[in-house]
């Protein structure tokens, strides 16, 4: 039997993740939780990035995490 991820098209996954990301950013408690995780990510990434690379923004980080789950 196919899993839910296999049944959904990439457009549906993108739309669900986009809506969930904005829902997280509208909720102050979830935003605070994700910003702590994002700050850790940025701290780890700055050691790895080369000149000219930019770490993900808070929105990009939340989107990446939620897209992985959908």
PDB file of N, CA and C in Angstrom:
ATOM      1  N   UNK A   1       0.831  -1.177   0.000  1.00  0.00           N
ATOM      2  CA  UNK A   1       0.000   0.000   0.000  1.00  0.00           C
ATOM      3  C   UNK A   1       0.886   1.256   0.000  1.00  0.00           C
ATOM      4  N   UNK A   2       0.498   2.254  -0.751  1.00  0.00           N
ATOM      5  CA  UNK A   2       1.283   3.484  -0.848  1.00  0.00           C
ATOM      6  C   UNK A   2       1.115   4.324   0.414  1.00  0.00           C
ATOM      7  N   UNK A   3       2.191   4.983   0.780  1.00  0.00           N
ATOM      8  CA  UNK A   3       2.110   5.882   1.926  1.00  0.00           C
ATOM      9  C   UNK A   3       1.454   7.191   1.480  1.00  0.00           C
ATOM     10  N   UNK A   4       1.133   8.016   2.441  1.00  0.00           N
ATOM     11  CA  UNK A   4       0.473   9.289   2.141  1.00  0.00           C
ATOM     12  C   UNK A   4       1.380  10.174   1.299  1.00  0.00           C
ATOM     13  N   UNK A   5       2.704  10.153   1.577  1.00  0.00           N
ATOM     14  CA  UNK A   5       3.637  10.971   0.808  1.00  0.00           C
ATOM     15  C   UNK A   5       3.636  10.583  -0.666  1.00  0.00           C
ATOM     16  N   UNK A   6       3.526   9.293  -0.945  1.00  0.00           N
ATOM     17  CA  UNK A   6       3.550   8.835  -2.334  1.00  0.00           C
ATOM     18  C   UNK A   6       2.268   9.205  -3.067  1.00  0.00           C
ATOM     19  N   UNK A   7       1.162   9.336  -2.357  1.00  0.00           N
ATOM     20  CA  UNK A   7      -0.113   9.671  -2.983  1.00  0.00           C
ATOM     21  C   UNK A   7      -0.227  11.159  -3.303  1.00  0.00           C
ATOM     22  N   UNK A   8       0.469  12.003  -2.527  1.00  0.00           N
ATOM     23  CA  UNK A   8       0.376  13.443  -2.731  1.00  0.00           C
ATOM     24  C   UNK A   8       1.330  13.907  -3.823  1.00  0.00           C
ATOM     25  N   UNK A   9       0.859  14.831  -4.625  1.00  0.00           N
ATOM     26  CA  UNK A   9       1.755  15.424  -5.622  1.00  0.00           C
ATOM     27  C   UNK A   9       2.640  16.455  -4.930  1.00  0.00           C
ATOM     28  N   UNK A  10       3.679  16.861  -5.594  1.00  0.00           N
ATOM     29  CA  UNK A  10       4.584  17.842  -5.000  1.00  0.00           C
ATOM     30  C   UNK A  10       3.890  19.193  -4.808  1.00  0.00           C
ATOM     31  N   UNK A  11       2.932  19.518  -5.672  1.00  0.00           N
ATOM     32  CA  UNK A  11       2.201  20.777  -5.516  1.00  0.00           C
ATOM     33  C   UNK A  11       1.353  20.774  -4.255  1.00  0.00           C
ATOM     34  N   UNK A  12       0.736  19.637  -3.954  1.00  0.00           N
ATOM     35  CA  UNK A  12      -0.076  19.533  -2.746  1.00  0.00           C
ATOM     36  C   UNK A  12       0.814  19.618  -1.513  1.00  0.00           C
ATOM     37  N   UNK A  13       1.943  18.916  -1.539  1.00  0.00           N
ATOM     38  CA  UNK A  13       2.888  18.982  -0.415  1.00  0.00           C
ATOM     39  C   UNK A  13       3.390  20.401  -0.211  1.00  0.00           C
ATOM     40  N   UNK A  14       3.707  21.094  -1.300  1.00  0.00           N
ATOM     41  CA  UNK A  14       4.188  22.470  -1.216  1.00  0.00           C
ATOM     42  C   UNK A  14       3.123  23.368  -0.592  1.00  0.00           C
ATOM     43  N   UNK A  15       1.884  23.226  -1.042  1.00  0.00           N
ATOM     44  CA  UNK A  15       0.798  24.060  -0.534  1.00  0.00           C
ATOM     45  C   UNK A  15       0.540  23.795   0.944  1.00  0.00           C
ATOM     46  N   UNK A  16       0.518  22.539   1.342  1.00  0.00           N
ATOM     47  CA  UNK A  16       0.321  22.209   2.751  1.00  0.00           C
ATOM     48  C   UNK A  16       1.442  22.773   3.614  1.00  0.00           C
ATOM     49  N   UNK A  17       2.655  22.654   3.138  1.00  0.00           N
ATOM     50  CA  UNK A  17       3.801  23.160   3.895  1.00  0.00           C
ATOM     51  C   UNK A  17       3.784  24.677   3.969  1.00  0.00           C
ATOM     52  N   UNK A  18       3.418  25.328   2.888  1.00  0.00           N
ATOM     53  CA  UNK A  18       3.340  26.779   2.867  1.00  0.00           C
ATOM     54  C   UNK A  18       2.326  27.281   3.884  1.00  0.00           C
ATOM     55  N   UNK A  19       1.142  26.677   3.899  1.00  0.00           N
ATOM     56  CA  UNK A  19       0.104  27.081   4.857  1.00  0.00           C
ATOM     57  C   UNK A  19       0.537  26.796   6.293  1.00  0.00           C
ATOM     58  N   UNK A  20       1.170  25.658   6.520  1.00  0.00           N
ATOM     59  CA  UNK A  20       1.629  25.324   7.867  1.00  0.00           C
ATOM     60  C   UNK A  20       2.726  26.274   8.334  1.00  0.00           C
ATOM     61  N   UNK A  21       3.600  26.677   7.425  1.00  0.00           N
ATOM     62  CA  UNK A  21       4.680  27.599   7.786  1.00  0.00           C
ATOM     63  C   UNK A  21       4.115  28.943   8.233  1.00  0.00           C
ATOM     64  N   UNK A  22       3.151  29.465   7.491  1.00  0.00           N
ATOM     65  CA  UNK A  22       2.542  30.738   7.891  1.00  0.00           C
ATOM     66  C   UNK A  22       1.770  30.605   9.188  1.00  0.00           C
ATOM     67  N   UNK A  23       1.151  29.446   9.422  1.00  0.00           N
ATOM     68  CA  UNK A  23       0.451  29.219  10.689  1.00  0.00           C
ATOM     69  C   UNK A  23       1.439  29.240  11.859  1.00  0.00           C
ATOM     70  N   UNK A  24       2.612  28.651  11.660  1.00  0.00           N
ATOM     71  CA  UNK A  24       3.643  28.661  12.703  1.00  0.00           C
ATOM     72  C   UNK A  24       4.108  30.086  12.962  1.00  0.00           C
ATOM     73  N   UNK A  25       4.330  30.849  11.907  1.00  0.00           N
ATOM     74  CA  UNK A  25       4.832  32.221  12.074  1.00  0.00           C
ATOM     75  C   UNK A  25       3.791  33.149  12.694  1.00  0.00           C
ATOM     76  N   UNK A  26       2.518  32.836  12.557  1.00  0.00           N
ATOM     77  CA  UNK A  26       1.473  33.660  13.184  1.00  0.00           C
ATOM     78  C   UNK A  26       1.326  33.358  14.673  1.00  0.00           C
ATOM     79  N   UNK A  27       1.738  32.190  15.100  1.00  0.00           N
ATOM     80  CA  UNK A  27       1.618  31.787  16.499  1.00  0.00           C
ATOM     81  C   UNK A  27       2.905  32.146  17.235  1.00  0.00           C
ATOM     82  N   UNK A  28       2.828  33.051  18.213  1.00  0.00           N
ATOM     83  CA  UNK A  28       4.053  33.500  18.884  1.00  0.00           C
ATOM     84  C   UNK A  28       4.796  32.386  19.632  1.00  0.00           C
ATOM     85  N   UNK A  29       4.068  31.436  20.192  1.00  0.00           N
ATOM     86  CA  UNK A  29       4.719  30.357  20.933  1.00  0.00           C
ATOM     87  C   UNK A  29       5.511  29.463  19.974  1.00  0.00           C
ATOM     88  N   UNK A  30       4.901  29.075  18.863  1.00  0.00           N
ATOM     89  CA  UNK A  30       5.596  28.232  17.888  1.00  0.00           C
ATOM     90  C   UNK A  30       6.750  28.976  17.228  1.00  0.00           C
ATOM     91  N   UNK A  31       6.563  30.265  16.986  1.00  0.00           N
ATOM     92  CA  UNK A  31       7.638  31.062  16.399  1.00  0.00           C
ATOM     93  C   UNK A  31       8.841  31.097  17.331  1.00  0.00           C
ATOM     94  N   UNK A  32       8.591  31.261  18.627  1.00  0.00           N
ATOM     95  CA  UNK A  32       9.686  31.283  19.593  1.00  0.00           C
ATOM     96  C   UNK A  32      10.398  29.935  19.635  1.00  0.00           C
ATOM     97  N   UNK A  33       9.638  28.859  19.597  1.00  0.00           N
ATOM     98  CA  UNK A  33      10.225  27.522  19.606  1.00  0.00           C
ATOM     99  C   UNK A  33      11.107  27.299  18.380  1.00  0.00           C
ATOM    100  N   UNK A  34      10.575  27.622  17.200  1.00  0.00           N
ATOM    101  CA  UNK A  34      11.347  27.426  15.977  1.00  0.00           C
ATOM    102  C   UNK A  34      12.519  28.399  15.870  1.00  0.00           C
ATOM    103  N   UNK A  35      12.385  29.608  16.444  1.00  0.00           N
ATOM    104  CA  UNK A  35      13.518  30.524  16.349  1.00  0.00           C
ATOM    105  C   UNK A  35      14.686  30.055  17.194  1.00  0.00           C
ATOM    106  N   UNK A  36      14.420  29.359  18.292  1.00  0.00           N
ATOM    107  CA  UNK A  36      15.529  28.779  19.063  1.00  0.00           C
ATOM    108  C   UNK A  36      16.252  27.720  18.240  1.00  0.00           C
ATOM    109  N   UNK A  37      15.484  26.854  17.580  1.00  0.00           N
ATOM    110  CA  UNK A  37      16.087  25.826  16.732  1.00  0.00           C
ATOM    111  C   UNK A  37      16.834  26.450  15.560  1.00  0.00           C
ATOM    112  N   UNK A  38      16.265  27.512  15.002  1.00  0.00           N
ATOM    113  CA  UNK A  38      16.879  28.199  13.868  1.00  0.00           C
ATOM    114  C   UNK A  38      18.210  28.846  14.272  1.00  0.00           C
ATOM    115  N   UNK A  39      18.247  29.429  15.472  1.00  0.00           N
ATOM    116  CA  UNK A  39      19.490  30.053  15.940  1.00  0.00           C
ATOM    117  C   UNK A  39      20.598  29.014  16.082  1.00  0.00           C
ATOM    118  N   UNK A  40      20.243  27.810  16.569  1.00  0.00           N
ATOM    119  CA  UNK A  40      21.234  26.738  16.649  1.00  0.00           C
ATOM    120  C   UNK A  40      21.707  26.338  15.256  1.00  0.00           C
ATOM    121  N   UNK A  41      20.756  26.262  14.325  1.00  0.00           N
ATOM    122  CA  UNK A  41      21.091  25.913  12.943  1.00  0.00           C
ATOM    123  C   UNK A  41      22.046  26.947  12.345  1.00  0.00           C
ATOM    124  N   UNK A  42      21.734  28.219  12.537  1.00  0.00           N
ATOM    125  CA  UNK A  42      22.586  29.285  11.986  1.00  0.00           C
ATOM    126  C   UNK A  42      23.980  29.225  12.618  1.00  0.00           C
ATOM    127  N   UNK A  43      24.046  28.978  13.903  1.00  0.00           N
ATOM    128  CA  UNK A  43      25.341  28.896  14.581  1.00  0.00           C
ATOM    129  C   UNK A  43      26.176  27.749  14.012  1.00  0.00           C
ATOM    130  N   UNK A  44      25.545  26.590  13.774  1.00  0.00           N
ATOM    131  CA  UNK A  44      26.275  25.452  13.193  1.00  0.00           C
ATOM    132  C   UNK A  44      26.648  25.722  11.741  1.00  0.00           C
ATOM    133  N   UNK A  45      25.752  26.376  11.002  1.00  0.00           N
ATOM    134  CA  UNK A  45      25.967  26.595   9.567  1.00  0.00           C
ATOM    135  C   UNK A  45      27.061  27.609   9.283  1.00  0.00           C
ATOM    136  N   UNK A  46      27.222  28.581  10.125  1.00  0.00           N
ATOM    137  CA  UNK A  46      28.219  29.616   9.842  1.00  0.00           C
ATOM    138  C   UNK A  46      29.623  29.037   9.797  1.00  0.00           C
ATOM    139  N   UNK A  47      29.834  27.911  10.471  1.00  0.00           N
ATOM    140  CA  UNK A  47      31.145  27.277  10.439  1.00  0.00           C
ATOM    141  C   UNK A  47      31.379  26.553   9.116  1.00  0.00           C
ATOM    142  N   UNK A  48      30.304  26.108   8.471  1.00  0.00           N
ATOM    143  CA  UNK A  48      30.396  25.301   7.262  1.00  0.00           C
ATOM    144  C   UNK A  48      30.327  26.141   5.986  1.00  0.00           C
ATOM    145  N   UNK A  49      29.597  27.252   6.031  1.00  0.00           N
ATOM    146  CA  UNK A  49      29.354  28.048   4.825  1.00  0.00           C
ATOM    147  C   UNK A  49      30.632  28.651   4.260  1.00  0.00           C
ATOM    148  N   UNK A  50      30.666  28.749   2.951  1.00  0.00           N
ATOM    149  CA  UNK A  50      31.780  29.421   2.297  1.00  0.00           C
ATOM    150  C   UNK A  50      31.400  30.882   2.069  1.00  0.00           C
ATOM    151  N   UNK A  51      32.340  31.658   1.604  1.00  0.00           N
ATOM    152  CA  UNK A  51      32.090  33.077   1.366  1.00  0.00           C
ATOM    153  C   UNK A  51      31.026  33.219   0.274  1.00  0.00           C
ATOM    154  N   UNK A  52      30.036  34.052   0.535  1.00  0.00           N
ATOM    155  CA  UNK A  52      28.969  34.284  -0.426  1.00  0.00           C
ATOM    156  C   UNK A  52      27.724  33.449  -0.159  1.00  0.00           C
ATOM    157  N   UNK A  53      27.849  32.365   0.618  1.00  0.00           N
ATOM    158  CA  UNK A  53      26.675  31.564   0.973  1.00  0.00           C
ATOM    159  C   UNK A  53      25.921  32.246   2.098  1.00  0.00           C
ATOM    160  N   UNK A  54      24.611  32.077   2.080  1.00  0.00           N
ATOM    161  CA  UNK A  54      23.776  32.646   3.128  1.00  0.00           C
ATOM    162  C   UNK A  54      23.025  31.525   3.826  1.00  0.00           C
ATOM    163  N   UNK A  55      22.922  31.580   5.149  1.00  0.00           N
ATOM    164  CA  UNK A  55      22.117  30.573   5.839  1.00  0.00           C
ATOM    165  C   UNK A  55      20.624  30.828   5.573  1.00  0.00           C
ATOM    166  N   UNK A  56      19.818  29.837   5.835  1.00  0.00           N
ATOM    167  CA  UNK A  56      18.377  29.984   5.633  1.00  0.00           C
ATOM    168  C   UNK A  56      17.802  31.031   6.571  1.00  0.00           C
ATOM    169  N   UNK A  57      16.767  31.716   6.098  1.00  0.00           N
ATOM    170  CA  UNK A  57      16.035  32.625   6.971  1.00  0.00           C
ATOM    171  C   UNK A  57      15.164  31.787   7.899  1.00  0.00           C
ATOM    172  N   UNK A  58      14.535  32.438   8.862  1.00  0.00           N
ATOM    173  CA  UNK A  58      13.638  31.723   9.771  1.00  0.00           C
ATOM    174  C   UNK A  58      12.513  31.071   8.990  1.00  0.00           C
ATOM    175  N   UNK A  59      11.943  31.800   8.037  1.00  0.00           N
ATOM    176  CA  UNK A  59      10.876  31.244   7.207  1.00  0.00           C
ATOM    177  C   UNK A  59      11.371  30.031   6.419  1.00  0.00           C
ATOM    178  N   UNK A  60      12.531  30.135   5.823  1.00  0.00           N
ATOM    179  CA  UNK A  60      13.093  29.030   5.049  1.00  0.00           C
ATOM    180  C   UNK A  60      13.385  27.819   5.910  1.00  0.00           C
ATOM    181  N   UNK A  61      13.877  28.065   7.125  1.00  0.00           N
ATOM    182  CA  UNK A  61      14.168  26.959   8.035  1.00  0.00           C
ATOM    183  C   UNK A  61      12.884  26.221   8.422  1.00  0.00           C
ATOM    184  N   UNK A  62      11.846  26.972   8.787  1.00  0.00           N
ATOM    185  CA  UNK A  62      10.571  26.350   9.163  1.00  0.00           C
ATOM    186  C   UNK A  62       9.994  25.594   7.978  1.00  0.00           C
ATOM    187  N   UNK A  63      10.049  26.183   6.794  1.00  0.00           N
ATOM    188  CA  UNK A  63       9.521  25.523   5.601  1.00  0.00           C
ATOM    189  C   UNK A  63      10.259  24.202   5.337  1.00  0.00           C
ATOM    190  N   UNK A  64      11.585  24.226   5.459  1.00  0.00           N
ATOM    191  CA  UNK A  64      12.385  23.018   5.229  1.00  0.00           C
ATOM    192  C   UNK A  64      12.016  21.914   6.228  1.00  0.00           C
ATOM    193  N   UNK A  65      11.866  22.281   7.489  1.00  0.00           N
ATOM    194  CA  UNK A  65      11.529  21.297   8.515  1.00  0.00           C
ATOM    195  C   UNK A  65      10.135  20.725   8.298  1.00  0.00           C
ATOM    196  N   UNK A  66       9.187  21.572   7.973  1.00  0.00           N
ATOM    197  CA  UNK A  66       7.808  21.098   7.796  1.00  0.00           C
ATOM    198  C   UNK A  66       7.654  20.311   6.493  1.00  0.00           C
ATOM    199  N   UNK A  67       8.379  20.690   5.449  1.00  0.00           N
ATOM    200  CA  UNK A  67       8.281  19.965   4.176  1.00  0.00           C
ATOM    201  C   UNK A  67       8.795  18.541   4.324  1.00  0.00           C
ATOM    202  N   UNK A  68       9.796  18.391   5.162  1.00  0.00           N
ATOM    203  CA  UNK A  68      10.336  17.057   5.425  1.00  0.00           C
ATOM    204  C   UNK A  68       9.279  16.175   6.088  1.00  0.00           C
ATOM    205  N   UNK A  69       8.423  16.783   6.925  1.00  0.00           N
ATOM    206  CA  UNK A  69       7.413  16.018   7.652  1.00  0.00           C
ATOM    207  C   UNK A  69       6.185  15.699   6.814  1.00  0.00           C
ATOM    208  N   UNK A  70       5.878  16.543   5.842  1.00  0.00           N
ATOM    209  CA  UNK A  70       4.645  16.325   5.043  1.00  0.00           C
ATOM    210  C   UNK A  70       4.847  15.229   4.036  1.00  0.00           C
TER     211      UNK A  70
END
